Amino acid sequence: MTELDNPAPAEQFFSAETRAALAEASRKLAERLQAHTDALLAMTGDEDHNTLFEHNAALEGVVEDWNDAVFEHTGTTALLLDDTAEDEDDEEAEPDQLISVVSRFDLRVVDLDELLEAGRAAQERHPAELDESGDREPVDSAEQAIYEISREVGEAWFELPGIELIAGARAYVVPEPPFEPLDADAEDVITELIAPNGVATHAETWA
């Protein structure tokens, strides 16, 4: 099957020059293909592999020249040859750099009323999506209040109203194979909150 590459006006193709060039390229391809076949048939398997590679490379060059001649004459390519330059670029591309940050904070509630008031205020300023009933989830627990505050301001472990930080830790890990990425849709999120296999480069602790 041929492939049309950037079609151009017909007068740019099918000229006497491109016709002669294609005929010459076809002659060389036929001669090279026959010589290549004869060389392969004569091999017994005891030859140096470099000899086979040289024959293959010679044929590849003639095929590319013939394919170019077909394009110059017709505006189409008869063979879809691999682009080795693109392959080299892909091989040289640097792999993605991954970093996993794992943290845990243990908190003690020292003033529940103050915490709930702050949580409700945060919910008013930064409302979450409504539940199935069309209502907001009531802020009537410490964990719900902390959730609402964190949704608004991020990790506020050191400034949560009515909360005392017992201890906290955070580790920065560069994953190594075998690496299991975090599954954000896992039914049991607790099992996902562990450091992956890898090297811990930095760590922070608070107490």
Protein backbone atom coordinates (compact mmCIF):
# COMPACT_ATOMS: atom_id res chain seq x y z
CA MET A 1 0.00 0.00 0.00
CA THR A 2 1.29 3.44 -0.85
CA GLU A 3 1.15 6.48 1.40
CA LEU A 4 0.51 10.00 0.14
CA ASP A 5 2.99 12.40 1.74
CA ASN A 6 2.17 16.11 1.51
CA PRO A 7 0.57 15.92 -1.93
CA ALA A 8 1.69 18.66 -4.31
CA PRO A 9 0.56 19.78 -7.76
CA ALA A 10 0.98 17.06 -10.38
CA GLU A 11 3.39 19.18 -12.45
CA GLN A 12 5.99 18.76 -9.70
CA PHE A 13 6.04 15.00 -10.35
CA PHE A 14 6.13 12.59 -13.30
CA SER A 15 8.85 14.53 -15.10
CA ALA A 16 11.44 13.10 -17.45
CA GLU A 17 14.10 13.59 -14.80
CA THR A 18 12.18 11.80 -12.02
CA ARG A 19 11.26 9.01 -14.46
CA ALA A 20 14.89 8.42 -15.34
CA ALA A 21 15.96 8.57 -11.70
CA LEU A 22 13.33 6.00 -10.70
CA ALA A 23 14.37 3.66 -13.50
CA GLU A 24 18.00 3.86 -12.38
CA ALA A 25 17.09 3.34 -8.73
CA SER A 26 14.98 0.33 -9.67
CA ARG A 27 17.87 -1.17 -11.68
CA LYS A 28 20.24 -0.76 -8.74
CA LEU A 29 17.69 -2.24 -6.35
CA ALA A 30 17.17 -5.30 -8.55
CA GLU A 31 20.91 -5.86 -8.86
CA ARG A 32 21.51 -5.35 -5.14
CA LEU A 33 18.59 -7.59 -4.18
CA GLN A 34 19.87 -10.41 -6.40
CA ALA A 35 23.41 -10.03 -5.06
CA HIS A 36 22.08 -9.98 -1.52
CA THR A 37 20.04 -13.14 -2.13
CA ASP A 38 23.01 -14.93 -3.71
CA ALA A 39 25.19 -14.01 -0.73
CA LEU A 40 22.63 -15.26 1.78
CA LEU A 41 22.11 -18.54 -0.09
CA ALA A 42 25.85 -19.14 -0.09
CA MET A 43 26.13 -18.77 3.66
CA THR A 44 26.43 -21.84 5.86
CA GLY A 45 26.17 -20.18 9.27
CA ASP A 46 29.88 -20.34 9.95
CA GLU A 47 30.60 -16.86 8.60
CA ASP A 48 31.37 -13.81 10.71
CA HIS A 49 28.12 -12.04 11.55
CA ASN A 50 29.70 -8.77 10.47
CA THR A 51 29.54 -10.03 6.89
CA LEU A 52 25.79 -10.50 7.17
CA PHE A 53 25.37 -7.08 8.73
CA GLU A 54 27.31 -5.48 5.87
CA HIS A 55 25.07 -7.15 3.28
CA ASN A 56 21.95 -6.05 5.12
CA ALA A 57 23.18 -2.46 5.44
CA ALA A 58 24.01 -2.30 1.72
CA LEU A 59 20.55 -3.51 0.77
CA GLU A 60 18.90 -1.10 3.21
CA GLY A 61 20.65 1.87 1.65
CA VAL A 62 19.55 0.92 -1.88
CA VAL A 63 15.97 0.36 -0.72
CA GLU A 64 15.88 3.81 0.86
CA ASP A 65 17.23 5.38 -2.34
CA TRP A 66 14.57 3.59 -4.40
CA ASN A 67 11.82 4.67 -1.99
CA ASP A 68 13.01 8.28 -2.29
CA ALA A 69 12.98 8.00 -6.09
CA VAL A 70 9.40 6.73 -6.01
CA PHE A 71 8.39 9.74 -3.94
CA GLU A 72 10.21 12.20 -6.19
CA HIS A 73 8.36 10.76 -9.19
CA THR A 74 4.86 10.15 -7.77
CA GLY A 75 4.57 12.07 -4.48
CA THR A 76 3.96 8.80 -2.64
CA THR A 77 6.17 6.39 -0.73
CA ALA A 78 5.91 2.75 -1.70
CA LEU A 79 7.42 1.45 1.55
CA LEU A 80 6.79 2.69 5.07
CA LEU A 81 10.33 2.56 6.42
CA ASP A 82 11.14 3.03 10.09
CA ASP A 83 12.48 6.42 11.10
CA THR A 84 15.69 5.50 12.91
CA ALA A 85 16.23 9.11 13.98
CA GLU A 86 12.94 9.06 15.91
CA ASP A 87 13.87 5.72 17.47
CA GLU A 88 17.18 7.17 18.67
CA ASP A 89 15.41 10.18 20.14
CA ASP A 90 13.02 7.89 22.01
CA GLU A 91 15.93 5.87 23.41
CA GLU A 92 17.72 9.00 24.56
CA ALA A 93 14.65 10.46 26.27
CA GLU A 94 15.11 10.61 30.01
CA PRO A 95 12.71 8.52 32.09
CA ASP A 96 10.14 10.26 34.26
CA GLN A 97 11.44 11.28 37.67
CA LEU A 98 9.21 10.04 40.46
CA ILE A 99 9.12 11.17 44.09
CA SER A 100 6.72 9.83 46.71
CA VAL A 101 5.93 11.93 49.79
CA VAL A 102 4.47 9.99 52.70
CA SER A 103 3.34 11.68 55.91
CA ARG A 104 1.50 10.98 59.16
CA PHE A 105 0.34 13.32 61.93
CA ASP A 106 -1.11 12.27 65.28
CA LEU A 107 -3.34 14.93 66.84
CA ARG A 108 -4.99 15.37 70.23
CA VAL A 109 -8.29 17.26 70.52
CA VAL A 110 -8.06 19.72 73.42
CA ASP A 111 -11.04 21.95 72.58
CA LEU A 112 -13.70 20.26 70.46
CA ASP A 113 -16.04 23.25 70.39
CA GLU A 114 -13.35 25.55 69.05
CA LEU A 115 -12.37 22.98 66.43
CA LEU A 116 -15.97 22.43 65.28
CA GLU A 117 -16.59 26.16 65.00
CA ALA A 118 -13.48 26.56 62.84
CA GLY A 119 -14.49 23.58 60.71
CA ARG A 120 -17.99 24.95 60.08
CA ALA A 121 -16.61 28.35 59.17
CA ALA A 122 -14.18 26.74 56.72
CA GLN A 123 -17.03 24.78 55.16
CA GLU A 124 -19.01 27.99 54.66
CA ARG A 125 -16.07 29.70 52.99
CA HIS A 126 -15.05 26.69 50.92
CA PRO A 127 -18.08 24.41 50.48
CA ALA A 128 -17.57 20.89 49.20
CA GLU A 129 -19.89 19.09 46.81
CA LEU A 130 -23.32 18.32 48.22
CA ASP A 131 -24.17 14.76 49.21
CA GLU A 132 -26.94 12.70 47.58
CA SER A 133 -29.62 14.42 49.69
CA GLY A 134 -28.52 17.84 48.44
CA ASP A 135 -27.18 18.87 51.85
CA ARG A 136 -23.69 19.52 53.11
CA GLU A 137 -22.25 16.94 55.43
CA PRO A 138 -22.65 18.33 58.98
CA VAL A 139 -19.48 19.28 60.83
CA ASP A 140 -20.20 17.47 64.08
CA SER A 141 -16.96 15.52 64.62
CA ALA A 142 -13.30 16.38 65.06
CA GLU A 143 -12.26 14.51 61.94
CA GLN A 144 -14.92 16.24 59.81
CA ALA A 145 -13.79 19.63 61.11
CA ILE A 146 -10.14 18.88 60.35
CA TYR A 147 -11.15 17.67 56.89
CA GLU A 148 -13.03 20.91 56.14
CA ILE A 149 -10.17 23.09 57.38
CA SER A 150 -7.61 21.11 55.38
CA ARG A 151 -9.73 21.41 52.24
CA GLU A 152 -9.57 25.17 52.55
CA VAL A 153 -5.99 25.84 53.64
CA GLY A 154 -4.09 22.61 53.02
CA GLU A 155 -2.02 20.92 55.70
CA ALA A 156 -2.58 23.07 58.78
CA TRP A 157 -1.45 20.58 61.39
CA PHE A 158 0.43 23.19 63.44
CA GLU A 159 -2.37 25.78 63.46
CA LEU A 160 -5.58 23.75 63.90
CA PRO A 161 -7.85 25.43 66.50
CA GLY A 162 -8.42 23.25 69.54
CA ILE A 163 -5.79 20.72 68.45
CA GLU A 164 -2.43 19.74 69.93
CA LEU A 165 0.11 18.06 67.66
CA ILE A 166 1.39 14.91 69.36
CA ALA A 167 3.81 13.88 66.64
CA GLY A 168 4.30 14.13 62.92
CA ALA A 169 6.61 12.66 60.30
CA ARG A 170 7.16 13.07 56.58
CA ALA A 171 9.47 11.13 54.27
CA TYR A 172 10.54 11.85 50.69
CA VAL A 173 11.19 8.62 48.77
CA VAL A 174 12.65 8.06 45.30
CA PRO A 175 10.86 4.87 44.16
CA GLU A 176 12.77 1.88 42.80
CA PRO A 177 11.52 -1.25 41.02
CA PRO A 178 9.32 -2.98 41.81
CA PHE A 179 7.26 0.21 42.15
CA GLU A 180 3.53 0.06 42.77
CA PRO A 181 2.01 3.52 42.13
CA LEU A 182 -0.58 4.89 44.52
CA ASP A 183 -4.08 3.74 43.60
CA ALA A 184 -6.27 6.75 44.33
CA ASP A 185 -9.39 4.65 43.65
CA ALA A 186 -8.50 1.83 46.03
CA GLU A 187 -11.33 0.69 48.28
CA ASP A 188 -8.98 0.57 51.26
CA VAL A 189 -7.01 3.82 51.12
CA ILE A 190 -5.21 2.95 54.37
CA THR A 191 -3.23 0.24 52.58
CA GLU A 192 -2.00 2.83 50.07
CA LEU A 193 -0.56 5.14 52.75
CA ILE A 194 2.78 3.39 53.04
CA ALA A 195 6.19 4.31 51.67
CA PRO A 196 6.92 2.59 48.33
CA ASN A 197 10.01 0.55 47.67
CA GLY A 198 12.88 2.98 47.19
CA VAL A 199 15.40 5.31 48.84
CA ALA A 200 14.35 7.87 51.44
CA THR A 201 16.26 11.04 50.57
CA HIS A 202 14.86 13.39 53.23
CA ALA A 203 12.78 13.07 56.40
CA GLU A 204 11.10 15.50 58.78
CA THR A 205 9.71 14.80 62.22
CA TRP A 206 7.78 16.90 64.75
CA ALA A 207 6.97 16.23 68.37
